[in-house]
Each structure stands twice: as structure tokens, then as C-alpha cells.
Amino acid sequence: MAGDDDALVELLGDDYARTILRETYAETQSVESLSEACDADSSTVYRRVQRLQNAGLLEDEQQLDPDGHHYKTYRACVRAVHLELTADGFDVTVDEPGSAASDRFTRLYEGFK
């Protein structure tokens, strides 16, 4: 995970960020659906999405709707966060769900089912 451990702990302490991760754990979600899940306006969700992406915890996928418009959906790319107390403070380790390429292939394959 890129970034500072304290910033990650602060980000995960945010209710909106945790809701976004929980909602995107099993399947991709649009900002519209995340706004509903968070009971927050889309600008608030976009800010959290950006922070989660910068932390390496969320990835986006480009979608094409039947009208030909493009939009993004988001998926959590973390499975666990471990917080260890040390003499120097906290040590944070993020478990990712395998390689990004294999995950994209799996999602692509599942999309054809």
C-alpha cells in the first residue's frame, strides 16, 4: 500500500470510506449506488473514492451503458488490513486479493457467464 500508515488508519476510520469498501467488496458499484448506500451526496462519495484509490484500496472500471455513455464503477482491491502495535507506533499491512491481472481476467470471464 502506497502512503503513510497513519493516513491509512485515518481513512479507514471514516464511515463513508468503510461503507464504500464494504459495498464494493463483492461487485463493482457506481457512484450513484454508493451515494445511496452512504446516504451522502455524490461529491462526498467522489472525494472518498479518490482517497481510497490514492491509497490503493479501490480500483475503477470503465463501463458502457446501452445508450453508448461511459461511466465508472468501483471495486475494492483489498481483502484485509492488519494493524500491529509496535514500540514505534502502528504498522499497517494490506492484503490484496491476488494479482490485478488475474482478478481482471476472472471478472471478465464471469461477465461472459
PDB file of N, CA and C in Angstrom:
ATOM      1  N   MET A   1       0.854  -1.170   0.000  1.00  0.00           N
ATOM      2  CA  MET A   1       0.000   0.000   0.000  1.00  0.00           C
ATOM      3  C   MET A   1       0.887   1.215   0.000  1.00  0.00           C
ATOM      4  N   ALA A   2       0.652   2.103  -0.935  1.00  0.00           N
ATOM      5  CA  ALA A   2       1.422   3.329  -1.004  1.00  0.00           C
ATOM      6  C   ALA A   2       0.898   4.294   0.045  1.00  0.00           C
ATOM      7  N   GLY A   3       1.800   5.010   0.686  1.00  0.00           N
ATOM      8  CA  GLY A   3       1.344   6.039   1.605  1.00  0.00           C
ATOM      9  C   GLY A   3       1.719   5.770   3.037  1.00  0.00           C
ATOM     10  N   ASP A   4       1.271   6.651   3.852  1.00  0.00           N
ATOM     11  CA  ASP A   4       1.593   6.662   5.266  1.00  0.00           C
ATOM     12  C   ASP A   4       0.602   5.814   6.059  1.00  0.00           C
ATOM     13  N   ASP A   5       1.102   5.045   7.014  1.00  0.00           N
ATOM     14  CA  ASP A   5       0.238   4.187   7.828  1.00  0.00           C
ATOM     15  C   ASP A   5      -0.806   4.997   8.594  1.00  0.00           C
ATOM     16  N   ASP A   6      -0.405   6.152   9.131  1.00  0.00           N
ATOM     17  CA  ASP A   6      -1.348   6.974   9.886  1.00  0.00           C
ATOM     18  C   ASP A   6      -2.481   7.470   8.990  1.00  0.00           C
ATOM     19  N   ALA A   7      -2.151   7.845   7.746  1.00  0.00           N
ATOM     20  CA  ALA A   7      -3.180   8.311   6.815  1.00  0.00           C
ATOM     21  C   ALA A   7      -4.148   7.184   6.475  1.00  0.00           C
ATOM     22  N   LEU A   8      -3.632   5.962   6.356  1.00  0.00           N
ATOM     23  CA  LEU A   8      -4.493   4.817   6.066  1.00  0.00           C
ATOM     24  C   LEU A   8      -5.425   4.522   7.241  1.00  0.00           C
ATOM     25  N   VAL A   9      -4.894   4.574   8.439  1.00  0.00           N
ATOM     26  CA  VAL A   9      -5.719   4.343   9.628  1.00  0.00           C
ATOM     27  C   VAL A   9      -6.802   5.416   9.706  1.00  0.00           C
ATOM     28  N   GLU A  10      -6.447   6.661   9.425  1.00  0.00           N
ATOM     29  CA  GLU A  10      -7.434   7.748   9.437  1.00  0.00           C
ATOM     30  C   GLU A  10      -8.499   7.523   8.373  1.00  0.00           C
ATOM     31  N   LEU A  11      -8.095   7.132   7.179  1.00  0.00           N
ATOM     32  CA  LEU A  11      -9.042   6.879   6.091  1.00  0.00           C
ATOM     33  C   LEU A  11     -10.006   5.760   6.466  1.00  0.00           C
ATOM     34  N   LEU A  12      -9.496   4.679   7.028  1.00  0.00           N
ATOM     35  CA  LEU A  12     -10.350   3.557   7.403  1.00  0.00           C
ATOM     36  C   LEU A  12     -11.229   3.870   8.614  1.00  0.00           C
ATOM     37  N   GLY A  13     -10.909   4.929   9.323  1.00  0.00           N
ATOM     38  CA  GLY A  13     -11.748   5.382  10.416  1.00  0.00           C
ATOM     39  C   GLY A  13     -12.974   6.152   9.944  1.00  0.00           C
ATOM     40  N   ASP A  14     -13.033   6.460   8.656  1.00  0.00           N
ATOM     41  CA  ASP A  14     -14.135   7.225   8.079  1.00  0.00           C
ATOM     42  C   ASP A  14     -15.295   6.297   7.712  1.00  0.00           C
ATOM     43  N   ASP A  15     -16.494   6.605   8.202  1.00  0.00           N
ATOM     44  CA  ASP A  15     -17.670   5.767   7.936  1.00  0.00           C
ATOM     45  C   ASP A  15     -17.949   5.621   6.446  1.00  0.00           C
ATOM     46  N   TYR A  16     -17.849   6.710   5.693  1.00  0.00           N
ATOM     47  CA  TYR A  16     -18.124   6.654   4.252  1.00  0.00           C
ATOM     48  C   TYR A  16     -17.125   5.742   3.547  1.00  0.00           C
ATOM     49  N   ALA A  17     -15.845   5.866   3.889  1.00  0.00           N
ATOM     50  CA  ALA A  17     -14.813   5.036   3.252  1.00  0.00           C
ATOM     51  C   ALA A  17     -15.062   3.560   3.540  1.00  0.00           C
ATOM     52  N   ARG A  18     -15.411   3.238   4.780  1.00  0.00           N
ATOM     53  CA  ARG A  18     -15.687   1.834   5.114  1.00  0.00           C
ATOM     54  C   ARG A  18     -16.926   1.325   4.383  1.00  0.00           C
ATOM     55  N   THR A  19     -17.953   2.157   4.266  1.00  0.00           N
ATOM     56  CA  THR A  19     -19.158   1.747   3.541  1.00  0.00           C
ATOM     57  C   THR A  19     -18.839   1.503   2.076  1.00  0.00           C
ATOM     58  N   ILE A  20     -18.045   2.363   1.478  1.00  0.00           N
ATOM     59  CA  ILE A  20     -17.666   2.196   0.069  1.00  0.00           C
ATOM     60  C   ILE A  20     -16.905   0.888  -0.116  1.00  0.00           C
ATOM     61  N   LEU A  21     -15.967   0.596   0.758  1.00  0.00           N
ATOM     62  CA  LEU A  21     -15.216  -0.662   0.653  1.00  0.00           C
ATOM     63  C   LEU A  21     -16.133  -1.866   0.828  1.00  0.00           C
ATOM     64  N   ARG A  22     -17.016  -1.798   1.801  1.00  0.00           N
ATOM     65  CA  ARG A  22     -17.948  -2.911   2.045  1.00  0.00           C
ATOM     66  C   ARG A  22     -18.863  -3.125   0.839  1.00  0.00           C
ATOM     67  N   GLU A  23     -19.384  -2.056   0.264  1.00  0.00           N
ATOM     68  CA  GLU A  23     -20.310  -2.158  -0.860  1.00  0.00           C
ATOM     69  C   GLU A  23     -19.627  -2.622  -2.142  1.00  0.00           C
ATOM     70  N   THR A  24     -18.332  -2.373  -2.275  1.00  0.00           N
ATOM     71  CA  THR A  24     -17.605  -2.749  -3.488  1.00  0.00           C
ATOM     72  C   THR A  24     -16.788  -4.022  -3.313  1.00  0.00           C
ATOM     73  N   TYR A  25     -16.953  -4.691  -2.202  1.00  0.00           N
ATOM     74  CA  TYR A  25     -16.181  -5.901  -1.921  1.00  0.00           C
ATOM     75  C   TYR A  25     -16.525  -7.037  -2.885  1.00  0.00           C
ATOM     76  N   ALA A  26     -17.798  -7.287  -3.117  1.00  0.00           N
ATOM     77  CA  ALA A  26     -18.227  -8.433  -3.928  1.00  0.00           C
ATOM     78  C   ALA A  26     -18.484  -8.078  -5.382  1.00  0.00           C
ATOM     79  N   GLU A  27     -18.871  -6.833  -5.654  1.00  0.00           N
ATOM     80  CA  GLU A  27     -19.155  -6.442  -7.033  1.00  0.00           C
ATOM     81  C   GLU A  27     -18.946  -4.948  -7.213  1.00  0.00           C
ATOM     82  N   THR A  28     -18.710  -4.557  -8.449  1.00  0.00           N
ATOM     83  CA  THR A  28     -18.486  -3.148  -8.725  1.00  0.00           C
ATOM     84  C   THR A  28     -19.762  -2.354  -8.476  1.00  0.00           C
ATOM     85  N   GLN A  29     -19.559  -1.094  -8.109  1.00  0.00           N
ATOM     86  CA  GLN A  29     -20.674  -0.203  -7.828  1.00  0.00           C
ATOM     87  C   GLN A  29     -20.407   1.159  -8.463  1.00  0.00           C
ATOM     88  N   SER A  30     -21.465   1.817  -8.906  1.00  0.00           N
ATOM     89  CA  SER A  30     -21.353   3.175  -9.429  1.00  0.00           C
ATOM     90  C   SER A  30     -21.380   4.165  -8.269  1.00  0.00           C
ATOM     91  N   VAL A  31     -20.988   5.408  -8.555  1.00  0.00           N
ATOM     92  CA  VAL A  31     -21.055   6.440  -7.529  1.00  0.00           C
ATOM     93  C   VAL A  31     -22.504   6.657  -7.105  1.00  0.00           C
ATOM     94  N   GLU A  32     -23.411   6.539  -8.048  1.00  0.00           N
ATOM     95  CA  GLU A  32     -24.827   6.705  -7.710  1.00  0.00           C
ATOM     96  C   GLU A  32     -25.269   5.684  -6.655  1.00  0.00           C
ATOM     97  N   SER A  33     -24.935   4.418  -6.872  1.00  0.00           N
ATOM     98  CA  SER A  33     -25.339   3.400  -5.892  1.00  0.00           C
ATOM     99  C   SER A  33     -24.575   3.562  -4.582  1.00  0.00           C
ATOM    100  N   LEU A  34     -23.315   3.993  -4.654  1.00  0.00           N
ATOM    101  CA  LEU A  34     -22.544   4.236  -3.433  1.00  0.00           C
ATOM    102  C   LEU A  34     -23.106   5.425  -2.652  1.00  0.00           C
ATOM    103  N   SER A  35     -23.587   6.428  -3.362  1.00  0.00           N
ATOM    104  CA  SER A  35     -24.207   7.583  -2.700  1.00  0.00           C
ATOM    105  C   SER A  35     -25.432   7.151  -1.908  1.00  0.00           C
ATOM    106  N   GLU A  36     -26.214   6.249  -2.498  1.00  0.00           N
ATOM    107  CA  GLU A  36     -27.388   5.726  -1.794  1.00  0.00           C
ATOM    108  C   GLU A  36     -26.972   4.916  -0.568  1.00  0.00           C
ATOM    109  N   ALA A  37     -25.975   4.063  -0.732  1.00  0.00           N
ATOM    110  CA  ALA A  37     -25.525   3.223   0.384  1.00  0.00           C
ATOM    111  C   ALA A  37     -24.949   4.061   1.528  1.00  0.00           C
ATOM    112  N   CYS A  38     -24.274   5.147   1.177  1.00  0.00           N
ATOM    113  CA  CYS A  38     -23.665   6.016   2.187  1.00  0.00           C
ATOM    114  C   CYS A  38     -24.636   7.063   2.720  1.00  0.00           C
ATOM    115  N   ASP A  39     -25.767   7.210   2.050  1.00  0.00           N
ATOM    116  CA  ASP A  39     -26.705   8.290   2.364  1.00  0.00           C
ATOM    117  C   ASP A  39     -25.960   9.628   2.344  1.00  0.00           C
ATOM    118  N   ALA A  40     -25.233   9.850   1.232  1.00  0.00           N
ATOM    119  CA  ALA A  40     -24.417  11.050   1.069  1.00  0.00           C
ATOM    120  C   ALA A  40     -24.504  11.517  -0.380  1.00  0.00           C
ATOM    121  N   ASP A  41     -24.223  12.790  -0.588  1.00  0.00           N
ATOM    122  CA  ASP A  41     -24.246  13.303  -1.959  1.00  0.00           C
ATOM    123  C   ASP A  41     -23.044  12.777  -2.739  1.00  0.00           C
ATOM    124  N   SER A  42     -23.147  12.823  -4.047  1.00  0.00           N
ATOM    125  CA  SER A  42     -22.115  12.229  -4.904  1.00  0.00           C
ATOM    126  C   SER A  42     -20.762  12.910  -4.743  1.00  0.00           C
ATOM    127  N   SER A  43     -20.724  14.217  -4.447  1.00  0.00           N
ATOM    128  CA  SER A  43     -19.432  14.889  -4.280  1.00  0.00           C
ATOM    129  C   SER A  43     -18.679  14.323  -3.073  1.00  0.00           C
ATOM    130  N   THR A  44     -19.396  13.994  -2.007  1.00  0.00           N
ATOM    131  CA  THR A  44     -18.776  13.372  -0.833  1.00  0.00           C
ATOM    132  C   THR A  44     -18.223  11.997  -1.198  1.00  0.00           C
ATOM    133  N   VAL A  45     -19.003  11.237  -1.939  1.00  0.00           N
ATOM    134  CA  VAL A  45     -18.566   9.892  -2.347  1.00  0.00           C
ATOM    135  C   VAL A  45     -17.368   9.979  -3.282  1.00  0.00           C
ATOM    136  N   TYR A  46     -17.394  10.913  -4.247  1.00  0.00           N
ATOM    137  CA  TYR A  46     -16.251  11.072  -5.156  1.00  0.00           C
ATOM    138  C   TYR A  46     -14.972  11.387  -4.380  1.00  0.00           C
ATOM    139  N   ARG A  47     -15.062  12.225  -3.355  1.00  0.00           N
ATOM    140  CA  ARG A  47     -13.862  12.553  -2.555  1.00  0.00           C
ATOM    141  C   ARG A  47     -13.324  11.306  -1.862  1.00  0.00           C
ATOM    142  N   ARG A  48     -14.209  10.496  -1.281  1.00  0.00           N
ATOM    143  CA  ARG A  48     -13.761   9.274  -0.607  1.00  0.00           C
ATOM    144  C   ARG A  48     -13.211   8.278  -1.619  1.00  0.00           C
ATOM    145  N   VAL A  49     -13.866   8.144  -2.760  1.00  0.00           N
ATOM    146  CA  VAL A  49     -13.390   7.241  -3.808  1.00  0.00           C
ATOM    147  C   VAL A  49     -11.966   7.634  -4.218  1.00  0.00           C
ATOM    148  N   GLN A  50     -11.730   8.921  -4.400  1.00  0.00           N
ATOM    149  CA  GLN A  50     -10.390   9.394  -4.789  1.00  0.00           C
ATOM    150  C   GLN A  50      -9.363   9.048  -3.720  1.00  0.00           C
ATOM    151  N   ARG A  51      -9.702   9.264  -2.460  1.00  0.00           N
ATOM    152  CA  ARG A  51      -8.780   8.942  -1.370  1.00  0.00           C
ATOM    153  C   ARG A  51      -8.511   7.439  -1.312  1.00  0.00           C
ATOM    154  N   LEU A  52      -9.550   6.630  -1.482  1.00  0.00           N
ATOM    155  CA  LEU A  52      -9.384   5.175  -1.462  1.00  0.00           C
ATOM    156  C   LEU A  52      -8.541   4.702  -2.642  1.00  0.00           C
ATOM    157  N   GLN A  53      -8.729   5.310  -3.805  1.00  0.00           N
ATOM    158  CA  GLN A  53      -7.907   4.954  -4.963  1.00  0.00           C
ATOM    159  C   GLN A  53      -6.453   5.359  -4.730  1.00  0.00           C
ATOM    160  N   ASN A  54      -6.232   6.559  -4.201  1.00  0.00           N
ATOM    161  CA  ASN A  54      -4.869   7.007  -3.924  1.00  0.00           C
ATOM    162  C   ASN A  54      -4.166   6.095  -2.923  1.00  0.00           C
ATOM    163  N   ALA A  55      -4.944   5.502  -2.014  1.00  0.00           N
ATOM    164  CA  ALA A  55      -4.381   4.584  -1.025  1.00  0.00           C
ATOM    165  C   ALA A  55      -4.204   3.174  -1.582  1.00  0.00           C
ATOM    166  N   GLY A  56      -4.677   2.938  -2.808  1.00  0.00           N
ATOM    167  CA  GLY A  56      -4.544   1.611  -3.412  1.00  0.00           C
ATOM    168  C   GLY A  56      -5.580   0.611  -2.933  1.00  0.00           C
ATOM    169  N   LEU A  57      -6.685   1.086  -2.356  1.00  0.00           N
ATOM    170  CA  LEU A  57      -7.706   0.199  -1.807  1.00  0.00           C
ATOM    171  C   LEU A  57      -8.910   0.023  -2.727  1.00  0.00           C
ATOM    172  N   LEU A  58      -8.998   0.843  -3.776  1.00  0.00           N
ATOM    173  CA  LEU A  58     -10.156   0.835  -4.665  1.00  0.00           C
ATOM    174  C   LEU A  58      -9.668   1.034  -6.085  1.00  0.00           C
ATOM    175  N   GLU A  59     -10.280   0.301  -7.017  1.00  0.00           N
ATOM    176  CA  GLU A  59      -9.936   0.474  -8.427  1.00  0.00           C
ATOM    177  C   GLU A  59     -11.207   0.760  -9.207  1.00  0.00           C
ATOM    178  N   ASP A  60     -11.029   1.403 -10.358  1.00  0.00           N
ATOM    179  CA  ASP A  60     -12.195   1.705 -11.181  1.00  0.00           C
ATOM    180  C   ASP A  60     -12.180   0.885 -12.457  1.00  0.00           C
ATOM    181  N   GLU A  61     -13.370   0.726 -13.004  1.00  0.00           N
ATOM    182  CA  GLU A  61     -13.556   0.031 -14.273  1.00  0.00           C
ATOM    183  C   GLU A  61     -14.470   0.875 -15.137  1.00  0.00           C
ATOM    184  N   GLN A  62     -14.116   1.035 -16.388  1.00  0.00           N
ATOM    185  CA  GLN A  62     -14.940   1.794 -17.326  1.00  0.00           C
ATOM    186  C   GLN A  62     -16.079   0.911 -17.817  1.00  0.00           C
ATOM    187  N   GLN A  63     -17.291   1.434 -17.808  1.00  0.00           N
ATOM    188  CA  GLN A  63     -18.473   0.700 -18.256  1.00  0.00           C
ATOM    189  C   GLN A  63     -19.104   1.447 -19.429  1.00  0.00           C
ATOM    190  N   LEU A  64     -19.802   0.728 -20.263  1.00  0.00           N
ATOM    191  CA  LEU A  64     -20.530   1.302 -21.392  1.00  0.00           C
ATOM    192  C   LEU A  64     -21.989   0.904 -21.233  1.00  0.00           C
ATOM    193  N   ASP A  65     -22.871   1.899 -21.112  1.00  0.00           N
ATOM    194  CA  ASP A  65     -24.288   1.559 -20.975  1.00  0.00           C
ATOM    195  C   ASP A  65     -24.914   1.402 -22.363  1.00  0.00           C
ATOM    196  N   PRO A  66     -26.118   0.862 -22.459  1.00  0.00           N
ATOM    197  CA  PRO A  66     -26.752   0.604 -23.757  1.00  0.00           C
ATOM    198  C   PRO A  66     -26.923   1.859 -24.619  1.00  0.00           C
ATOM    199  N   ASP A  67     -26.959   3.041 -23.994  1.00  0.00           N
ATOM    200  CA  ASP A  67     -27.093   4.292 -24.745  1.00  0.00           C
ATOM    201  C   ASP A  67     -25.764   4.772 -25.304  1.00  0.00           C
ATOM    202  N   GLY A  68     -24.684   4.063 -24.994  1.00  0.00           N
ATOM    203  CA  GLY A  68     -23.370   4.443 -25.505  1.00  0.00           C
ATOM    204  C   GLY A  68     -22.596   5.372 -24.594  1.00  0.00           C
ATOM    205  N   HIS A  69     -23.121   5.692 -23.446  1.00  0.00           N
ATOM    206  CA  HIS A  69     -22.422   6.555 -22.496  1.00  0.00           C
ATOM    207  C   HIS A  69     -21.429   5.738 -21.669  1.00  0.00           C
ATOM    208  N   HIS A  70     -20.333   6.380 -21.308  1.00  0.00           N
ATOM    209  CA  HIS A  70     -19.322   5.740 -20.472  1.00  0.00           C
ATOM    210  C   HIS A  70     -19.482   6.220 -19.032  1.00  0.00           C
ATOM    211  N   TYR A  71     -19.246   5.336 -18.105  1.00  0.00           N
ATOM    212  CA  TYR A  71     -19.229   5.692 -16.694  1.00  0.00           C
ATOM    213  C   TYR A  71     -18.321   4.712 -15.973  1.00  0.00           C
ATOM    214  N   LYS A  72     -17.911   5.083 -14.783  1.00  0.00           N
ATOM    215  CA  LYS A  72     -17.016   4.235 -14.000  1.00  0.00           C
ATOM    216  C   LYS A  72     -17.785   3.523 -12.900  1.00  0.00           C
ATOM    217  N   THR A  73     -17.325   2.323 -12.627  1.00  0.00           N
ATOM    218  CA  THR A  73     -17.761   1.604 -11.438  1.00  0.00           C
ATOM    219  C   THR A  73     -16.500   1.310 -10.630  1.00  0.00           C
ATOM    220  N   TYR A  74     -16.702   0.993  -9.369  1.00  0.00           N
ATOM    221  CA  TYR A  74     -15.576   0.834  -8.457  1.00  0.00           C
ATOM    222  C   TYR A  74     -15.648  -0.506  -7.745  1.00  0.00           C
ATOM    223  N   ARG A  75     -14.458  -1.059  -7.476  1.00  0.00           N
ATOM    224  CA  ARG A  75     -14.338  -2.348  -6.800  1.00  0.00           C
ATOM    225  C   ARG A  75     -13.198  -2.252  -5.775  1.00  0.00           C
ATOM    226  N   ALA A  76     -13.453  -2.790  -4.594  1.00  0.00           N
ATOM    227  CA  ALA A  76     -12.405  -2.857  -3.574  1.00  0.00           C
ATOM    228  C   ALA A  76     -11.300  -3.788  -4.068  1.00  0.00           C
ATOM    229  N   CYS A  77     -10.075  -3.385  -3.869  1.00  0.00           N
ATOM    230  CA  CYS A  77      -8.948  -4.250  -4.244  1.00  0.00           C
ATOM    231  C   CYS A  77      -8.098  -4.542  -3.009  1.00  0.00           C
ATOM    232  N   VAL A  78      -8.802  -4.801  -1.928  1.00  0.00           N
ATOM    233  CA  VAL A  78      -8.175  -5.170  -0.657  1.00  0.00           C
ATOM    234  C   VAL A  78      -9.063  -6.219  -0.003  1.00  0.00           C
ATOM    235  N   ARG A  79      -8.475  -7.171   0.655  1.00  0.00           N
ATOM    236  CA  ARG A  79      -9.255  -8.203   1.341  1.00  0.00           C
ATOM    237  C   ARG A  79      -9.099  -8.122   2.855  1.00  0.00           C
ATOM    238  N   ALA A  80      -7.976  -7.585   3.315  1.00  0.00           N
ATOM    239  CA  ALA A  80      -7.772  -7.475   4.761  1.00  0.00           C
ATOM    240  C   ALA A  80      -6.773  -6.362   5.043  1.00  0.00           C
ATOM    241  N   VAL A  81      -6.931  -5.736   6.195  1.00  0.00           N
ATOM    242  CA  VAL A  81      -5.984  -4.743   6.687  1.00  0.00           C
ATOM    243  C   VAL A  81      -5.597  -5.185   8.088  1.00  0.00           C
ATOM    244  N   HIS A  82      -4.311  -5.327   8.311  1.00  0.00           N
ATOM    245  CA  HIS A  82      -3.795  -5.753   9.613  1.00  0.00           C
ATOM    246  C   HIS A  82      -3.099  -4.570  10.279  1.00  0.00           C
ATOM    247  N   LEU A  83      -3.454  -4.336  11.497  1.00  0.00           N
ATOM    248  CA  LEU A  83      -2.893  -3.240  12.276  1.00  0.00           C
ATOM    249  C   LEU A  83      -2.118  -3.844  13.441  1.00  0.00           C
ATOM    250  N   GLU A  84      -0.821  -3.568  13.490  1.00  0.00           N
ATOM    251  CA  GLU A  84       0.021  -4.110  14.557  1.00  0.00           C
ATOM    252  C   GLU A  84       0.601  -2.969  15.377  1.00  0.00           C
ATOM    253  N   LEU A  85       0.444  -3.060  16.680  1.00  0.00           N
ATOM    254  CA  LEU A  85       1.015  -2.077  17.583  1.00  0.00           C
ATOM    255  C   LEU A  85       2.470  -2.440  17.835  1.00  0.00           C
ATOM    256  N   THR A  86       3.364  -1.492  17.615  1.00  0.00           N
ATOM    257  CA  THR A  86       4.797  -1.694  17.855  1.00  0.00           C
ATOM    258  C   THR A  86       5.289  -0.606  18.794  1.00  0.00           C
ATOM    259  N   ALA A  87       6.524  -0.719  19.202  1.00  0.00           N
ATOM    260  CA  ALA A  87       7.118   0.294  20.081  1.00  0.00           C
ATOM    261  C   ALA A  87       7.184   1.651  19.389  1.00  0.00           C
ATOM    262  N   ASP A  88       7.234   1.647  18.058  1.00  0.00           N
ATOM    263  CA  ASP A  88       7.324   2.887  17.288  1.00  0.00           C
ATOM    264  C   ASP A  88       5.959   3.422  16.860  1.00  0.00           C
ATOM    265  N   GLY A  89       4.893   2.728  17.159  1.00  0.00           N
ATOM    266  CA  GLY A  89       3.558   3.161  16.747  1.00  0.00           C
ATOM    267  C   GLY A  89       2.806   2.001  16.133  1.00  0.00           C
ATOM    268  N   PHE A  90       2.159   2.261  15.017  1.00  0.00           N
ATOM    269  CA  PHE A  90       1.377   1.233  14.345  1.00  0.00           C
ATOM    270  C   PHE A  90       2.026   0.853  13.023  1.00  0.00           C
ATOM    271  N   ASP A  91       1.949  -0.429  12.721  1.00  0.00           N
ATOM    272  CA  ASP A  91       2.404  -0.955  11.437  1.00  0.00           C
ATOM    273  C   ASP A  91       1.179  -1.515  10.730  1.00  0.00           C
ATOM    274  N   VAL A  92       0.912  -1.029   9.533  1.00  0.00           N
ATOM    275  CA  VAL A  92      -0.274  -1.433   8.790  1.00  0.00           C
ATOM    276  C   VAL A  92       0.147  -2.270   7.586  1.00  0.00           C
ATOM    277  N   THR A  93      -0.510  -3.420   7.417  1.00  0.00           N
ATOM    278  CA  THR A  93      -0.271  -4.292   6.276  1.00  0.00           C
ATOM    279  C   THR A  93      -1.598  -4.524   5.570  1.00  0.00           C
ATOM    280  N   VAL A  94      -1.596  -4.381   4.249  1.00  0.00           N
ATOM    281  CA  VAL A  94      -2.805  -4.568   3.449  1.00  0.00           C
ATOM    282  C   VAL A  94      -2.662  -5.845   2.634  1.00  0.00           C
ATOM    283  N   ASP A  95      -3.640  -6.738   2.751  1.00  0.00           N
ATOM    284  CA  ASP A  95      -3.680  -7.961   1.942  1.00  0.00           C
ATOM    285  C   ASP A  95      -4.524  -7.694   0.715  1.00  0.00           C
ATOM    286  N   GLU A  96      -3.912  -7.870  -0.442  1.00  0.00           N
ATOM    287  CA  GLU A  96      -4.620  -7.683  -1.703  1.00  0.00           C
ATOM    288  C   GLU A  96      -5.130  -9.036  -2.193  1.00  0.00           C
ATOM    289  N   PRO A  97      -6.171  -9.025  -3.031  1.00  0.00           N
ATOM    290  CA  PRO A  97      -6.790 -10.281  -3.474  1.00  0.00           C
ATOM    291  C   PRO A  97      -6.082 -10.947  -4.644  1.00  0.00           C
ATOM    292  N   GLY A  98      -4.793 -11.067  -4.625  1.00  0.00           N
ATOM    293  CA  GLY A  98      -4.086 -11.697  -5.737  1.00  0.00           C
ATOM    294  C   GLY A  98      -3.656 -10.656  -6.748  1.00  0.00           C
ATOM    295  N   SER A  99      -3.113 -11.109  -7.852  1.00  0.00           N
ATOM    296  CA  SER A  99      -2.613 -10.175  -8.854  1.00  0.00           C
ATOM    297  C   SER A  99      -3.766  -9.485  -9.566  1.00  0.00           C
ATOM    298  N   ALA A 100      -3.562  -8.247  -9.916  1.00  0.00           N
ATOM    299  CA  ALA A 100      -4.602  -7.460 -10.596  1.00  0.00           C
ATOM    300  C   ALA A 100      -4.969  -8.085 -11.942  1.00  0.00           C
ATOM    301  N   ALA A 101      -3.990  -8.610 -12.670  1.00  0.00           N
ATOM    302  CA  ALA A 101      -4.269  -9.193 -13.983  1.00  0.00           C
ATOM    303  C   ALA A 101      -5.168 -10.419 -13.866  1.00  0.00           C
ATOM    304  N   SER A 102      -4.882 -11.290 -12.903  1.00  0.00           N
ATOM    305  CA  SER A 102      -5.709 -12.489 -12.760  1.00  0.00           C
ATOM    306  C   SER A 102      -7.111 -12.126 -12.282  1.00  0.00           C
ATOM    307  N   ASP A 103      -7.220 -11.120 -11.424  1.00  0.00           N
ATOM    308  CA  ASP A 103      -8.544 -10.681 -10.976  1.00  0.00           C
ATOM    309  C   ASP A 103      -9.356 -10.100 -12.130  1.00  0.00           C
ATOM    310  N   ARG A 104      -8.719  -9.301 -12.983  1.00  0.00           N
ATOM    311  CA  ARG A 104      -9.428  -8.730 -14.141  1.00  0.00           C
ATOM    312  C   ARG A 104      -9.886  -9.834 -15.080  1.00  0.00           C
ATOM    313  N   PHE A 105      -9.040 -10.849 -15.296  1.00  0.00           N
ATOM    314  CA  PHE A 105      -9.430 -11.968 -16.158  1.00  0.00           C
ATOM    315  C   PHE A 105     -10.624 -12.700 -15.560  1.00  0.00           C
ATOM    316  N   THR A 106     -10.589 -12.945 -14.258  1.00  0.00           N
ATOM    317  CA  THR A 106     -11.699 -13.638 -13.590  1.00  0.00           C
ATOM    318  C   THR A 106     -12.989 -12.846 -13.743  1.00  0.00           C
ATOM    319  N   ARG A 107     -12.938 -11.526 -13.518  1.00  0.00           N
ATOM    320  CA  ARG A 107     -14.138 -10.691 -13.652  1.00  0.00           C
ATOM    321  C   ARG A 107     -14.637 -10.691 -15.095  1.00  0.00           C
ATOM    322  N   LEU A 108     -13.702 -10.644 -16.053  1.00  0.00           N
ATOM    323  CA  LEU A 108     -14.087 -10.675 -17.462  1.00  0.00           C
ATOM    324  C   LEU A 108     -14.777 -11.987 -17.785  1.00  0.00           C
ATOM    325  N   TYR A 109     -14.201 -13.099 -17.332  1.00  0.00           N
ATOM    326  CA  TYR A 109     -14.782 -14.418 -17.566  1.00  0.00           C
ATOM    327  C   TYR A 109     -16.162 -14.515 -16.927  1.00  0.00           C
ATOM    328  N   GLU A 110     -16.294 -14.052 -15.689  1.00  0.00           N
ATOM    329  CA  GLU A 110     -17.570 -14.109 -15.001  1.00  0.00           C
ATOM    330  C   GLU A 110     -18.624 -13.249 -15.703  1.00  0.00           C
ATOM    331  N   GLY A 111     -18.182 -12.184 -16.349  1.00  0.00           N
ATOM    332  CA  GLY A 111     -19.091 -11.303 -17.080  1.00  0.00           C
ATOM    333  C   GLY A 111     -19.681 -11.979 -18.306  1.00  0.00           C
ATOM    334  N   PHE A 112     -19.003 -12.980 -18.843  1.00  0.00           N
ATOM    335  CA  PHE A 112     -19.498 -13.698 -20.020  1.00  0.00           C
ATOM    336  C   PHE A 112     -20.455 -14.818 -19.671  1.00  0.00           C
ATOM    337  N   LYS A 113     -20.549 -15.195 -18.395  1.00  0.00           N
ATOM    338  CA  LYS A 113     -21.433 -16.284 -17.975  1.00  0.00           C
ATOM    339  C   LYS A 113     -22.877 -15.906 -18.162  1.00  0.00           C
TER     340      LYS A 113
END
